[in-house]
């Protein structure tokens, strides 16, 4: 079975760790929340992916200071994705399990998710 060195995966996950902005968007990519500032504290360390497929993973939207809570909605709509960006370049897109209807005066709490890079099969 082919294997990719952890250092290669960790370098790729290091790019994810450089994301400095998050957005919540609709399935059509209309921005519903645009004001989420990220820094290194919002990401875990690269670790082994103990799940099927091995590889490496990094946890995203970690909140040590409650910065992922009570985030104000910019525009009303059905939230379907979370995007992580470096400046204006989209780096990661995570789909929500199901759409969440957001009103213009709502606030949301964002939970963590992992970016997983699996070994080839």
PDB file of N, CA and C in Angstrom:
ATOM      1  N   UNK A   1       0.847  -1.173   0.000  1.00  0.00           N
ATOM      2  CA  UNK A   1       0.000   0.000   0.000  1.00  0.00           C
ATOM      3  C   UNK A   1       0.898   1.244   0.000  1.00  0.00           C
ATOM      4  N   UNK A   2       0.610   2.228  -0.854  1.00  0.00           N
ATOM      5  CA  UNK A   2       1.395   3.466  -0.864  1.00  0.00           C
ATOM      6  C   UNK A   2       1.230   4.215   0.462  1.00  0.00           C
ATOM      7  N   UNK A   3       2.251   4.958   0.805  1.00  0.00           N
ATOM      8  CA  UNK A   3       2.226   5.719   2.042  1.00  0.00           C
ATOM      9  C   UNK A   3       2.825   7.092   1.784  1.00  0.00           C
ATOM     10  N   UNK A   4       2.197   8.127   2.277  1.00  0.00           N
ATOM     11  CA  UNK A   4       2.724   9.480   2.192  1.00  0.00           C
ATOM     12  C   UNK A   4       3.280   9.835   3.561  1.00  0.00           C
ATOM     13  N   UNK A   5       4.476  10.380   3.592  1.00  0.00           N
ATOM     14  CA  UNK A   5       5.132  10.712   4.856  1.00  0.00           C
ATOM     15  C   UNK A   5       4.313  11.737   5.634  1.00  0.00           C
ATOM     16  N   UNK A   6       4.305  11.587   6.955  1.00  0.00           N
ATOM     17  CA  UNK A   6       3.580  12.526   7.818  1.00  0.00           C
ATOM     18  C   UNK A   6       4.031  13.961   7.573  1.00  0.00           C
ATOM     19  N   UNK A   7       5.317  14.164   7.296  1.00  0.00           N
ATOM     20  CA  UNK A   7       5.823  15.525   7.090  1.00  0.00           C
ATOM     21  C   UNK A   7       5.187  16.187   5.869  1.00  0.00           C
ATOM     22  N   UNK A   8       4.861  15.395   4.851  1.00  0.00           N
ATOM     23  CA  UNK A   8       4.203  15.937   3.653  1.00  0.00           C
ATOM     24  C   UNK A   8       2.778  16.367   4.001  1.00  0.00           C
ATOM     25  N   UNK A   9       2.042  15.484   4.672  1.00  0.00           N
ATOM     26  CA  UNK A   9       0.682  15.837   5.091  1.00  0.00           C
ATOM     27  C   UNK A   9       0.693  17.032   6.043  1.00  0.00           C
ATOM     28  N   UNK A  10       1.644  17.043   6.981  1.00  0.00           N
ATOM     29  CA  UNK A  10       1.706  18.138   7.949  1.00  0.00           C
ATOM     30  C   UNK A  10       1.983  19.474   7.271  1.00  0.00           C
ATOM     31  N   UNK A  11       2.786  19.458   6.204  1.00  0.00           N
ATOM     32  CA  UNK A  11       3.035  20.696   5.455  1.00  0.00           C
ATOM     33  C   UNK A  11       1.737  21.197   4.825  1.00  0.00           C
ATOM     34  N   UNK A  12       0.941  20.295   4.265  1.00  0.00           N
ATOM     35  CA  UNK A  12      -0.347  20.682   3.674  1.00  0.00           C
ATOM     36  C   UNK A  12      -1.303  21.179   4.749  1.00  0.00           C
ATOM     37  N   UNK A  13      -1.350  20.502   5.876  1.00  0.00           N
ATOM     38  CA  UNK A  13      -2.228  20.931   6.970  1.00  0.00           C
ATOM     39  C   UNK A  13      -1.759  22.252   7.574  1.00  0.00           C
ATOM     40  N   UNK A  14      -0.471  22.548   7.445  1.00  0.00           N
ATOM     41  CA  UNK A  14       0.057  23.839   7.889  1.00  0.00           C
ATOM     42  C   UNK A  14      -0.529  24.990   7.099  1.00  0.00           C
ATOM     43  N   UNK A  15      -0.899  24.744   5.850  1.00  0.00           N
ATOM     44  CA  UNK A  15      -1.578  25.774   5.047  1.00  0.00           C
ATOM     45  C   UNK A  15      -2.954  26.047   5.629  1.00  0.00           C
ATOM     46  N   UNK A  16      -3.661  24.997   6.024  1.00  0.00           N
ATOM     47  CA  UNK A  16      -4.973  25.165   6.661  1.00  0.00           C
ATOM     48  C   UNK A  16      -4.820  25.987   7.936  1.00  0.00           C
ATOM     49  N   UNK A  17      -3.780  25.706   8.705  1.00  0.00           N
ATOM     50  CA  UNK A  17      -3.510  26.414   9.954  1.00  0.00           C
ATOM     51  C   UNK A  17      -3.254  27.908   9.730  1.00  0.00           C
ATOM     52  N   UNK A  18      -2.924  28.299   8.506  1.00  0.00           N
ATOM     53  CA  UNK A  18      -2.686  29.710   8.177  1.00  0.00           C
ATOM     54  C   UNK A  18      -3.962  30.464   7.815  1.00  0.00           C
ATOM     55  N   UNK A  19      -5.097  29.797   7.771  1.00  0.00           N
ATOM     56  CA  UNK A  19      -6.350  30.487   7.450  1.00  0.00           C
ATOM     57  C   UNK A  19      -6.612  31.567   8.494  1.00  0.00           C
ATOM     58  N   UNK A  20      -7.000  32.747   8.029  1.00  0.00           N
ATOM     59  CA  UNK A  20      -7.212  33.868   8.940  1.00  0.00           C
ATOM     60  C   UNK A  20      -8.644  34.398   8.917  1.00  0.00           C
ATOM     61  N   UNK A  21      -9.522  33.686   8.212  1.00  0.00           N
ATOM     62  CA  UNK A  21     -10.915  34.135   8.120  1.00  0.00           C
ATOM     63  C   UNK A  21     -11.814  32.926   7.875  1.00  0.00           C
ATOM     64  N   UNK A  22     -13.020  32.993   8.415  1.00  0.00           N
ATOM     65  CA  UNK A  22     -14.034  31.975   8.147  1.00  0.00           C
ATOM     66  C   UNK A  22     -15.313  32.669   7.714  1.00  0.00           C
ATOM     67  N   UNK A  23     -16.073  31.977   6.882  1.00  0.00           N
ATOM     68  CA  UNK A  23     -17.371  32.473   6.427  1.00  0.00           C
ATOM     69  C   UNK A  23     -18.381  31.340   6.517  1.00  0.00           C
ATOM     70  N   UNK A  24     -19.628  31.691   6.770  1.00  0.00           N
ATOM     71  CA  UNK A  24     -20.739  30.747   6.667  1.00  0.00           C
ATOM     72  C   UNK A  24     -21.513  31.160   5.426  1.00  0.00           C
ATOM     73  N   UNK A  25     -21.766  30.187   4.535  1.00  0.00           N
ATOM     74  CA  UNK A  25     -22.372  30.498   3.246  1.00  0.00           C
ATOM     75  C   UNK A  25     -23.516  29.531   2.929  1.00  0.00           C
ATOM     76  N   UNK A  26     -24.310  29.915   1.939  1.00  0.00           N
ATOM     77  CA  UNK A  26     -25.387  29.063   1.434  1.00  0.00           C
ATOM     78  C   UNK A  26     -24.796  28.030   0.471  1.00  0.00           C
ATOM     79  N   UNK A  27     -25.640  27.120  -0.008  1.00  0.00           N
ATOM     80  CA  UNK A  27     -25.177  26.137  -0.992  1.00  0.00           C
ATOM     81  C   UNK A  27     -24.728  26.816  -2.278  1.00  0.00           C
ATOM     82  N   UNK A  28     -25.241  28.005  -2.557  1.00  0.00           N
ATOM     83  CA  UNK A  28     -24.835  28.774  -3.727  1.00  0.00           C
ATOM     84  C   UNK A  28     -23.711  29.745  -3.447  1.00  0.00           C
ATOM     85  N   UNK A  29     -23.121  29.681  -2.269  1.00  0.00           N
ATOM     86  CA  UNK A  29     -21.976  30.489  -1.846  1.00  0.00           C
ATOM     87  C   UNK A  29     -22.295  31.948  -1.517  1.00  0.00           C
ATOM     88  N   UNK A  30     -23.576  32.276  -1.291  1.00  0.00           N
ATOM     89  CA  UNK A  30     -23.902  33.609  -0.772  1.00  0.00           C
ATOM     90  C   UNK A  30     -23.448  33.679   0.679  1.00  0.00           C
ATOM     91  N   UNK A  31     -22.785  34.762   1.054  1.00  0.00           N
ATOM     92  CA  UNK A  31     -22.210  34.892   2.392  1.00  0.00           C
ATOM     93  C   UNK A  31     -23.285  35.300   3.400  1.00  0.00           C
ATOM     94  N   UNK A  32     -23.416  34.487   4.454  1.00  0.00           N
ATOM     95  CA  UNK A  32     -24.357  34.777   5.535  1.00  0.00           C
ATOM     96  C   UNK A  32     -23.648  35.344   6.758  1.00  0.00           C
ATOM     97  N   UNK A  33     -22.427  34.892   7.000  1.00  0.00           N
ATOM     98  CA  UNK A  33     -21.592  35.410   8.085  1.00  0.00           C
ATOM     99  C   UNK A  33     -20.204  35.617   7.503  1.00  0.00           C
ATOM    100  N   UNK A  34     -19.701  36.844   7.635  1.00  0.00           N
ATOM    101  CA  UNK A  34     -18.449  37.188   6.976  1.00  0.00           C
ATOM    102  C   UNK A  34     -17.420  37.762   7.938  1.00  0.00           C
ATOM    103  N   UNK A  35     -17.695  37.800   9.208  1.00  0.00           N
ATOM    104  CA  UNK A  35     -16.860  38.564  10.136  1.00  0.00           C
ATOM    105  C   UNK A  35     -16.076  37.691  11.114  1.00  0.00           C
ATOM    106  N   UNK A  36     -15.721  36.481  10.718  1.00  0.00           N
ATOM    107  CA  UNK A  36     -15.064  35.570  11.645  1.00  0.00           C
ATOM    108  C   UNK A  36     -13.552  35.621  11.411  1.00  0.00           C
ATOM    109  N   UNK A  37     -12.837  36.207  12.354  1.00  0.00           N
ATOM    110  CA  UNK A  37     -11.380  36.299  12.265  1.00  0.00           C
ATOM    111  C   UNK A  37     -10.766  35.089  12.960  1.00  0.00           C
ATOM    112  N   UNK A  38      -9.790  34.469  12.306  1.00  0.00           N
ATOM    113  CA  UNK A  38      -9.113  33.291  12.847  1.00  0.00           C
ATOM    114  C   UNK A  38      -7.641  33.580  13.071  1.00  0.00           C
ATOM    115  N   UNK A  39      -7.052  32.830  14.010  1.00  0.00           N
ATOM    116  CA  UNK A  39      -5.606  32.847  14.189  1.00  0.00           C
ATOM    117  C   UNK A  39      -5.169  31.435  14.573  1.00  0.00           C
ATOM    118  N   UNK A  40      -3.898  31.251  14.849  1.00  0.00           N
ATOM    119  CA  UNK A  40      -3.360  29.916  15.125  1.00  0.00           C
ATOM    120  C   UNK A  40      -4.062  29.221  16.285  1.00  0.00           C
ATOM    121  N   UNK A  41      -4.613  29.982  17.233  1.00  0.00           N
ATOM    122  CA  UNK A  41      -5.284  29.353  18.377  1.00  0.00           C
ATOM    123  C   UNK A  41      -6.588  28.663  17.979  1.00  0.00           C
ATOM    124  N   UNK A  42      -7.081  28.927  16.773  1.00  0.00           N
ATOM    125  CA  UNK A  42      -8.320  28.298  16.302  1.00  0.00           C
ATOM    126  C   UNK A  42      -8.088  26.966  15.602  1.00  0.00           C
ATOM    127  N   UNK A  43      -6.847  26.467  15.661  1.00  0.00           N
ATOM    128  CA  UNK A  43      -6.507  25.206  15.010  1.00  0.00           C
ATOM    129  C   UNK A  43      -5.704  24.334  15.966  1.00  0.00           C
ATOM    130  N   UNK A  44      -6.004  23.051  15.940  1.00  0.00           N
ATOM    131  CA  UNK A  44      -5.222  22.108  16.724  1.00  0.00           C
ATOM    132  C   UNK A  44      -3.937  21.756  15.996  1.00  0.00           C
ATOM    133  N   UNK A  45      -3.149  20.905  16.608  1.00  0.00           N
ATOM    134  CA  UNK A  45      -1.914  20.419  15.973  1.00  0.00           C
ATOM    135  C   UNK A  45      -2.260  19.273  15.030  1.00  0.00           C
ATOM    136  N   UNK A  46      -1.450  19.096  14.008  1.00  0.00           N
ATOM    137  CA  UNK A  46      -1.622  17.950  13.117  1.00  0.00           C
ATOM    138  C   UNK A  46      -1.367  16.666  13.907  1.00  0.00           C
ATOM    139  N   UNK A  47      -2.286  15.706  13.766  1.00  0.00           N
ATOM    140  CA  UNK A  47      -2.171  14.441  14.491  1.00  0.00           C
ATOM    141  C   UNK A  47      -2.511  13.289  13.560  1.00  0.00           C
ATOM    142  N   UNK A  48      -2.232  12.070  14.036  1.00  0.00           N
ATOM    143  CA  UNK A  48      -2.596  10.886  13.266  1.00  0.00           C
ATOM    144  C   UNK A  48      -4.104  10.779  13.159  1.00  0.00           C
ATOM    145  N   UNK A  49      -4.577  10.379  11.987  1.00  0.00           N
ATOM    146  CA  UNK A  49      -5.994  10.094  11.793  1.00  0.00           C
ATOM    147  C   UNK A  49      -6.201   8.629  12.123  1.00  0.00           C
ATOM    148  N   UNK A  50      -6.788   8.365  13.240  1.00  0.00           N
ATOM    149  CA  UNK A  50      -6.965   6.978  13.677  1.00  0.00           C
ATOM    150  C   UNK A  50      -8.131   6.295  12.970  1.00  0.00           C
ATOM    151  N   UNK A  51      -8.861   7.033  12.142  1.00  0.00           N
ATOM    152  CA  UNK A  51     -10.002   6.450  11.444  1.00  0.00           C
ATOM    153  C   UNK A  51      -9.588   5.667  10.221  1.00  0.00           C
ATOM    154  N   UNK A  52     -10.551   5.227   9.489  1.00  0.00           N
ATOM    155  CA  UNK A  52     -10.316   4.454   8.267  1.00  0.00           C
ATOM    156  C   UNK A  52      -9.526   5.286   7.271  1.00  0.00           C
ATOM    157  N   UNK A  53      -8.475   4.710   6.727  1.00  0.00           N
ATOM    158  CA  UNK A  53      -7.680   5.398   5.728  1.00  0.00           C
ATOM    159  C   UNK A  53      -6.412   6.021   6.272  1.00  0.00           C
ATOM    160  N   UNK A  54      -6.221   5.969   7.584  1.00  0.00           N
ATOM    161  CA  UNK A  54      -5.027   6.521   8.227  1.00  0.00           C
ATOM    162  C   UNK A  54      -4.777   7.945   7.774  1.00  0.00           C
ATOM    163  N   UNK A  55      -3.527   8.357   7.608  1.00  0.00           N
ATOM    164  CA  UNK A  55      -3.217   9.721   7.215  1.00  0.00           C
ATOM    165  C   UNK A  55      -3.092  10.638   8.417  1.00  0.00           C
ATOM    166  N   UNK A  56      -3.373  11.929   8.195  1.00  0.00           N
ATOM    167  CA  UNK A  56      -3.216  12.950   9.228  1.00  0.00           C
ATOM    168  C   UNK A  56      -4.436  13.856   9.241  1.00  0.00           C
ATOM    169  N   UNK A  57      -4.643  14.577  10.353  1.00  0.00           N
ATOM    170  CA  UNK A  57      -5.785  15.484  10.443  1.00  0.00           C
ATOM    171  C   UNK A  57      -5.433  16.679  11.316  1.00  0.00           C
ATOM    172  N   UNK A  58      -6.230  17.735  11.164  1.00  0.00           N
ATOM    173  CA  UNK A  58      -6.115  18.925  12.000  1.00  0.00           C
ATOM    174  C   UNK A  58      -7.527  19.366  12.378  1.00  0.00           C
ATOM    175  N   UNK A  59      -7.710  19.731  13.628  1.00  0.00           N
ATOM    176  CA  UNK A  59      -9.011  20.205  14.091  1.00  0.00           C
ATOM    177  C   UNK A  59      -9.113  21.708  13.843  1.00  0.00           C
ATOM    178  N   UNK A  60     -10.251  22.128  13.290  1.00  0.00           N
ATOM    179  CA  UNK A  60     -10.475  23.528  12.930  1.00  0.00           C
ATOM    180  C   UNK A  60     -11.578  24.150  13.777  1.00  0.00           C
ATOM    181  N   UNK A  61     -11.517  25.457  13.930  1.00  0.00           N
ATOM    182  CA  UNK A  61     -12.462  26.277  14.688  1.00  0.00           C
ATOM    183  C   UNK A  61     -12.458  25.943  16.172  1.00  0.00           C
ATOM    184  N   UNK A  62     -11.285  25.622  16.682  1.00  0.00           N
ATOM    185  CA  UNK A  62     -11.094  25.426  18.114  1.00  0.00           C
ATOM    186  C   UNK A  62     -11.301  26.776  18.790  1.00  0.00           C
ATOM    187  N   UNK A  63     -11.930  26.786  19.952  1.00  0.00           N
ATOM    188  CA  UNK A  63     -12.229  28.043  20.634  1.00  0.00           C
ATOM    189  C   UNK A  63     -11.743  28.004  22.073  1.00  0.00           C
ATOM    190  N   UNK A  64     -10.608  28.653  22.319  1.00  0.00           N
ATOM    191  CA  UNK A  64     -10.109  28.738  23.690  1.00  0.00           C
ATOM    192  C   UNK A  64     -10.705  29.918  24.436  1.00  0.00           C
ATOM    193  N   UNK A  65     -11.164  30.927  23.697  1.00  0.00           N
ATOM    194  CA  UNK A  65     -11.645  32.161  24.334  1.00  0.00           C
ATOM    195  C   UNK A  65     -13.087  32.473  23.945  1.00  0.00           C
ATOM    196  N   UNK A  66     -13.838  31.463  23.584  1.00  0.00           N
ATOM    197  CA  UNK A  66     -15.246  31.615  23.181  1.00  0.00           C
ATOM    198  C   UNK A  66     -15.419  32.484  21.946  1.00  0.00           C
ATOM    199  N   UNK A  67     -14.376  32.574  21.106  1.00  0.00           N
ATOM    200  CA  UNK A  67     -14.486  33.394  19.907  1.00  0.00           C
ATOM    201  C   UNK A  67     -15.333  32.746  18.809  1.00  0.00           C
ATOM    202  N   UNK A  68     -15.736  31.511  19.005  1.00  0.00           N
ATOM    203  CA  UNK A  68     -16.597  30.837  18.027  1.00  0.00           C
ATOM    204  C   UNK A  68     -18.042  30.792  18.521  1.00  0.00           C
ATOM    205  N   UNK A  69     -18.391  31.668  19.463  1.00  0.00           N
ATOM    206  CA  UNK A  69     -19.742  31.707  20.029  1.00  0.00           C
ATOM    207  C   UNK A  69     -20.362  33.080  19.850  1.00  0.00           C
ATOM    208  N   UNK A  70     -21.675  33.105  19.735  1.00  0.00           N
ATOM    209  CA  UNK A  70     -22.450  34.350  19.625  1.00  0.00           C
ATOM    210  C   UNK A  70     -21.960  35.221  18.475  1.00  0.00           C
ATOM    211  N   UNK A  71     -21.772  34.601  17.311  1.00  0.00           N
ATOM    212  CA  UNK A  71     -21.325  35.316  16.109  1.00  0.00           C
ATOM    213  C   UNK A  71     -22.563  35.837  15.386  1.00  0.00           C
ATOM    214  N   UNK A  72     -22.580  37.113  15.082  1.00  0.00           N
ATOM    215  CA  UNK A  72     -23.744  37.744  14.453  1.00  0.00           C
ATOM    216  C   UNK A  72     -23.843  37.389  12.977  1.00  0.00           C
ATOM    217  N   UNK A  73     -25.070  37.121  12.556  1.00  0.00           N
ATOM    218  CA  UNK A  73     -25.365  36.828  11.154  1.00  0.00           C
ATOM    219  C   UNK A  73     -25.361  38.140  10.367  1.00  0.00           C
ATOM    220  N   UNK A  74     -24.742  38.128   9.188  1.00  0.00           N
ATOM    221  CA  UNK A  74     -24.670  39.307   8.326  1.00  0.00           C
ATOM    222  C   UNK A  74     -25.911  39.402   7.436  1.00  0.00           C
ATOM    223  N   UNK A  75     -26.310  38.266   6.837  1.00  0.00           N
ATOM    224  CA  UNK A  75     -27.476  38.208   5.947  1.00  0.00           C
ATOM    225  C   UNK A  75     -28.263  36.940   6.235  1.00  0.00           C
ATOM    226  N   UNK A  76     -29.586  37.029   6.117  1.00  0.00           N
ATOM    227  CA  UNK A  76     -30.448  35.868   6.353  1.00  0.00           C
ATOM    228  C   UNK A  76     -30.329  34.879   5.192  1.00  0.00           C
ATOM    229  N   UNK A  77     -30.524  33.593   5.516  1.00  0.00           N
ATOM    230  CA  UNK A  77     -30.509  32.558   4.485  1.00  0.00           C
ATOM    231  C   UNK A  77     -30.308  31.195   5.104  1.00  0.00           C
ATOM    232  N   UNK A  78     -30.166  30.186   4.248  1.00  0.00           N
ATOM    233  CA  UNK A  78     -29.974  28.809   4.693  1.00  0.00           C
ATOM    234  C   UNK A  78     -28.487  28.466   4.651  1.00  0.00           C
ATOM    235  N   UNK A  79     -27.867  28.386   5.827  1.00  0.00           N
ATOM    236  CA  UNK A  79     -26.442  28.065   5.923  1.00  0.00           C
ATOM    237  C   UNK A  79     -26.205  26.611   5.540  1.00  0.00           C
ATOM    238  N   UNK A  80     -25.234  26.382   4.656  1.00  0.00           N
ATOM    239  CA  UNK A  80     -24.944  25.021   4.208  1.00  0.00           C
ATOM    240  C   UNK A  80     -23.455  24.672   4.264  1.00  0.00           C
ATOM    241  N   UNK A  81     -22.579  25.695   4.295  1.00  0.00           N
ATOM    242  CA  UNK A  81     -21.142  25.440   4.268  1.00  0.00           C
ATOM    243  C   UNK A  81     -20.396  26.423   5.158  1.00  0.00           C
ATOM    244  N   UNK A  82     -19.238  25.976   5.616  1.00  0.00           N
ATOM    245  CA  UNK A  82     -18.285  26.858   6.279  1.00  0.00           C
ATOM    246  C   UNK A  82     -17.041  26.878   5.414  1.00  0.00           C
ATOM    247  N   UNK A  83     -16.570  28.081   5.113  1.00  0.00           N
ATOM    248  CA  UNK A  83     -15.356  28.226   4.315  1.00  0.00           C
ATOM    249  C   UNK A  83     -14.260  28.826   5.183  1.00  0.00           C
ATOM    250  N   UNK A  84     -13.045  28.297   5.021  1.00  0.00           N
ATOM    251  CA  UNK A  84     -11.865  28.861   5.658  1.00  0.00           C
ATOM    252  C   UNK A  84     -11.030  29.510   4.562  1.00  0.00           C
ATOM    253  N   UNK A  85     -10.565  30.721   4.831  1.00  0.00           N
ATOM    254  CA  UNK A  85      -9.836  31.483   3.827  1.00  0.00           C
ATOM    255  C   UNK A  85      -8.495  31.973   4.350  1.00  0.00           C
ATOM    256  N   UNK A  86      -7.565  32.155   3.434  1.00  0.00           N
ATOM    257  CA  UNK A  86      -6.349  32.915   3.680  1.00  0.00           C
ATOM    258  C   UNK A  86      -6.552  34.193   2.890  1.00  0.00           C
ATOM    259  N   UNK A  87      -6.748  35.293   3.609  1.00  0.00           N
ATOM    260  CA  UNK A  87      -7.152  36.578   3.010  1.00  0.00           C
ATOM    261  C   UNK A  87      -8.449  36.350   2.242  1.00  0.00           C
ATOM    262  N   UNK A  88      -8.437  36.444   0.911  1.00  0.00           N
ATOM    263  CA  UNK A  88      -9.675  36.244   0.149  1.00  0.00           C
ATOM    264  C   UNK A  88      -9.699  34.908  -0.581  1.00  0.00           C
ATOM    265  N   UNK A  89      -8.654  34.097  -0.441  1.00  0.00           N
ATOM    266  CA  UNK A  89      -8.572  32.809  -1.140  1.00  0.00           C
ATOM    267  C   UNK A  89      -9.190  31.698  -0.298  1.00  0.00           C
ATOM    268  N   UNK A  90     -10.208  31.044  -0.846  1.00  0.00           N
ATOM    269  CA  UNK A  90     -10.853  29.926  -0.147  1.00  0.00           C
ATOM    270  C   UNK A  90      -9.889  28.748  -0.122  1.00  0.00           C
ATOM    271  N   UNK A  91      -9.640  28.225   1.078  1.00  0.00           N
ATOM    272  CA  UNK A  91      -8.695  27.130   1.259  1.00  0.00           C
ATOM    273  C   UNK A  91      -9.402  25.823   1.611  1.00  0.00           C
ATOM    274  N   UNK A  92     -10.455  25.890   2.437  1.00  0.00           N
ATOM    275  CA  UNK A  92     -11.198  24.709   2.884  1.00  0.00           C
ATOM    276  C   UNK A  92     -12.684  25.036   2.831  1.00  0.00           C
ATOM    277  N   UNK A  93     -13.482  24.057   2.362  1.00  0.00           N
ATOM    278  CA  UNK A  93     -14.945  24.177   2.419  1.00  0.00           C
ATOM    279  C   UNK A  93     -15.472  22.931   3.124  1.00  0.00           C
ATOM    280  N   UNK A  94     -16.221  23.152   4.202  1.00  0.00           N
ATOM    281  CA  UNK A  94     -16.829  22.048   4.950  1.00  0.00           C
ATOM    282  C   UNK A  94     -18.343  22.161   4.834  1.00  0.00           C
ATOM    283  N   UNK A  95     -18.991  21.079   4.417  1.00  0.00           N
ATOM    284  CA  UNK A  95     -20.448  21.051   4.315  1.00  0.00           C
ATOM    285  C   UNK A  95     -21.068  20.770   5.676  1.00  0.00           C
ATOM    286  N   UNK A  96     -22.147  21.483   5.978  1.00  0.00           N
ATOM    287  CA  UNK A  96     -22.928  21.176   7.167  1.00  0.00           C
ATOM    288  C   UNK A  96     -23.761  19.933   6.870  1.00  0.00           C
ATOM    289  N   UNK A  97     -24.080  19.161   7.889  1.00  0.00           N
ATOM    290  CA  UNK A  97     -24.876  17.945   7.709  1.00  0.00           C
ATOM    291  C   UNK A  97     -26.215  18.257   7.062  1.00  0.00           C
ATOM    292  N   UNK A  98     -26.838  19.338   7.487  1.00  0.00           N
ATOM    293  CA  UNK A  98     -28.086  19.803   6.882  1.00  0.00           C
ATOM    294  C   UNK A  98     -28.105  21.324   6.954  1.00  0.00           C
ATOM    295  N   UNK A  99     -28.893  21.933   6.084  1.00  0.00           N
ATOM    296  CA  UNK A  99     -28.979  23.393   6.053  1.00  0.00           C
ATOM    297  C   UNK A  99     -29.583  23.917   7.350  1.00  0.00           C
ATOM    298  N   UNK A 100     -29.100  25.086   7.791  1.00  0.00           N
ATOM    299  CA  UNK A 100     -29.606  25.745   8.991  1.00  0.00           C
ATOM    300  C   UNK A 100     -30.146  27.106   8.579  1.00  0.00           C
ATOM    301  N   UNK A 101     -31.411  27.349   8.869  1.00  0.00           N
ATOM    302  CA  UNK A 101     -32.035  28.619   8.517  1.00  0.00           C
ATOM    303  C   UNK A 101     -31.594  29.703   9.500  1.00  0.00           C
ATOM    304  N   UNK A 102     -31.022  30.788   8.959  1.00  0.00           N
ATOM    305  CA  UNK A 102     -30.533  31.879   9.793  1.00  0.00           C
ATOM    306  C   UNK A 102     -31.289  33.164   9.479  1.00  0.00           C
ATOM    307  N   UNK A 103     -31.721  33.864  10.513  1.00  0.00           N
ATOM    308  CA  UNK A 103     -32.330  35.179  10.360  1.00  0.00           C
ATOM    309  C   UNK A 103     -31.263  36.259  10.476  1.00  0.00           C
ATOM    310  N   UNK A 104     -31.554  37.443   9.941  1.00  0.00           N
ATOM    311  CA  UNK A 104     -30.580  38.538   9.923  1.00  0.00           C
ATOM    312  C   UNK A 104     -30.173  39.001  11.314  1.00  0.00           C
ATOM    313  N   UNK A 105     -30.996  38.756  12.321  1.00  0.00           N
ATOM    314  CA  UNK A 105     -30.655  39.195  13.681  1.00  0.00           C
ATOM    315  C   UNK A 105     -30.183  38.029  14.562  1.00  0.00           C
ATOM    316  N   UNK A 106     -29.994  36.859  13.972  1.00  0.00           N
ATOM    317  CA  UNK A 106     -29.560  35.684  14.734  1.00  0.00           C
ATOM    318  C   UNK A 106     -28.077  35.754  15.084  1.00  0.00           C
ATOM    319  N   UNK A 107     -27.706  34.935  16.064  1.00  0.00           N
ATOM    320  CA  UNK A 107     -26.306  34.687  16.397  1.00  0.00           C
ATOM    321  C   UNK A 107     -26.087  33.190  16.384  1.00  0.00           C
ATOM    322  N   UNK A 108     -24.879  32.772  16.022  1.00  0.00           N
ATOM    323  CA  UNK A 108     -24.590  31.341  15.929  1.00  0.00           C
ATOM    324  C   UNK A 108     -23.340  30.992  16.729  1.00  0.00           C
ATOM    325  N   UNK A 109     -23.272  29.723  17.105  1.00  0.00           N
ATOM    326  CA  UNK A 109     -22.072  29.135  17.691  1.00  0.00           C
ATOM    327  C   UNK A 109     -21.534  28.144  16.672  1.00  0.00           C
ATOM    328  N   UNK A 110     -20.251  28.206  16.392  1.00  0.00           N
ATOM    329  CA  UNK A 110     -19.649  27.286  15.440  1.00  0.00           C
ATOM    330  C   UNK A 110     -18.891  26.201  16.185  1.00  0.00           C
ATOM    331  N   UNK A 111     -19.087  24.955  15.765  1.00  0.00           N
ATOM    332  CA  UNK A 111     -18.393  23.823  16.358  1.00  0.00           C
ATOM    333  C   UNK A 111     -17.155  23.462  15.558  1.00  0.00           C
ATOM    334  N   UNK A 112     -16.351  22.622  16.144  1.00  0.00           N
ATOM    335  CA  UNK A 112     -15.115  22.178  15.489  1.00  0.00           C
ATOM    336  C   UNK A 112     -15.412  21.150  14.404  1.00  0.00           C
ATOM    337  N   UNK A 113     -14.488  21.043  13.489  1.00  0.00           N
ATOM    338  CA  UNK A 113     -14.485  19.964  12.494  1.00  0.00           C
ATOM    339  C   UNK A 113     -13.038  19.672  12.150  1.00  0.00           C
ATOM    340  N   UNK A 114     -12.790  18.520  11.548  1.00  0.00           N
ATOM    341  CA  UNK A 114     -11.424  18.133  11.196  1.00  0.00           C
ATOM    342  C   UNK A 114     -11.252  18.109   9.682  1.00  0.00           C
ATOM    343  N   UNK A 115     -10.088  18.584   9.249  1.00  0.00           N
ATOM    344  CA  UNK A 115      -9.649  18.391   7.869  1.00  0.00           C
ATOM    345  C   UNK A 115      -8.769  17.143   7.915  1.00  0.00           C
ATOM    346  N   UNK A 116      -9.121  16.143   7.106  1.00  0.00           N
ATOM    347  CA  UNK A 116      -8.432  14.845   7.139  1.00  0.00           C
ATOM    348  C   UNK A 116      -7.805  14.581   5.773  1.00  0.00           C
ATOM    349  N   UNK A 117      -6.529  14.268   5.776  1.00  0.00           N
ATOM    350  CA  UNK A 117      -5.814  13.835   4.576  1.00  0.00           C
ATOM    351  C   UNK A 117      -5.500  12.358   4.754  1.00  0.00           C
ATOM    352  N   UNK A 118      -6.052  11.517   3.899  1.00  0.00           N
ATOM    353  CA  UNK A 118      -5.895  10.071   4.056  1.00  0.00           C
ATOM    354  C   UNK A 118      -4.784   9.541   3.167  1.00  0.00           C
ATOM    355  N   UNK A 119      -4.151   8.464   3.635  1.00  0.00           N
ATOM    356  CA  UNK A 119      -3.156   7.789   2.828  1.00  0.00           C
ATOM    357  C   UNK A 119      -3.820   7.190   1.596  1.00  0.00           C
ATOM    358  N   UNK A 120      -3.120   7.173   0.454  1.00  0.00           N
ATOM    359  CA  UNK A 120      -3.707   6.579  -0.753  1.00  0.00           C
ATOM    360  C   UNK A 120      -3.904   5.076  -0.594  1.00  0.00           C
ATOM    361  N   UNK A 121      -4.830   4.553  -1.360  1.00  0.00           N
ATOM    362  CA  UNK A 121      -5.072   3.096  -1.315  1.00  0.00           C
ATOM    363  C   UNK A 121      -4.649   2.453  -2.608  1.00  0.00           C
TER     364      UNK A 121
END
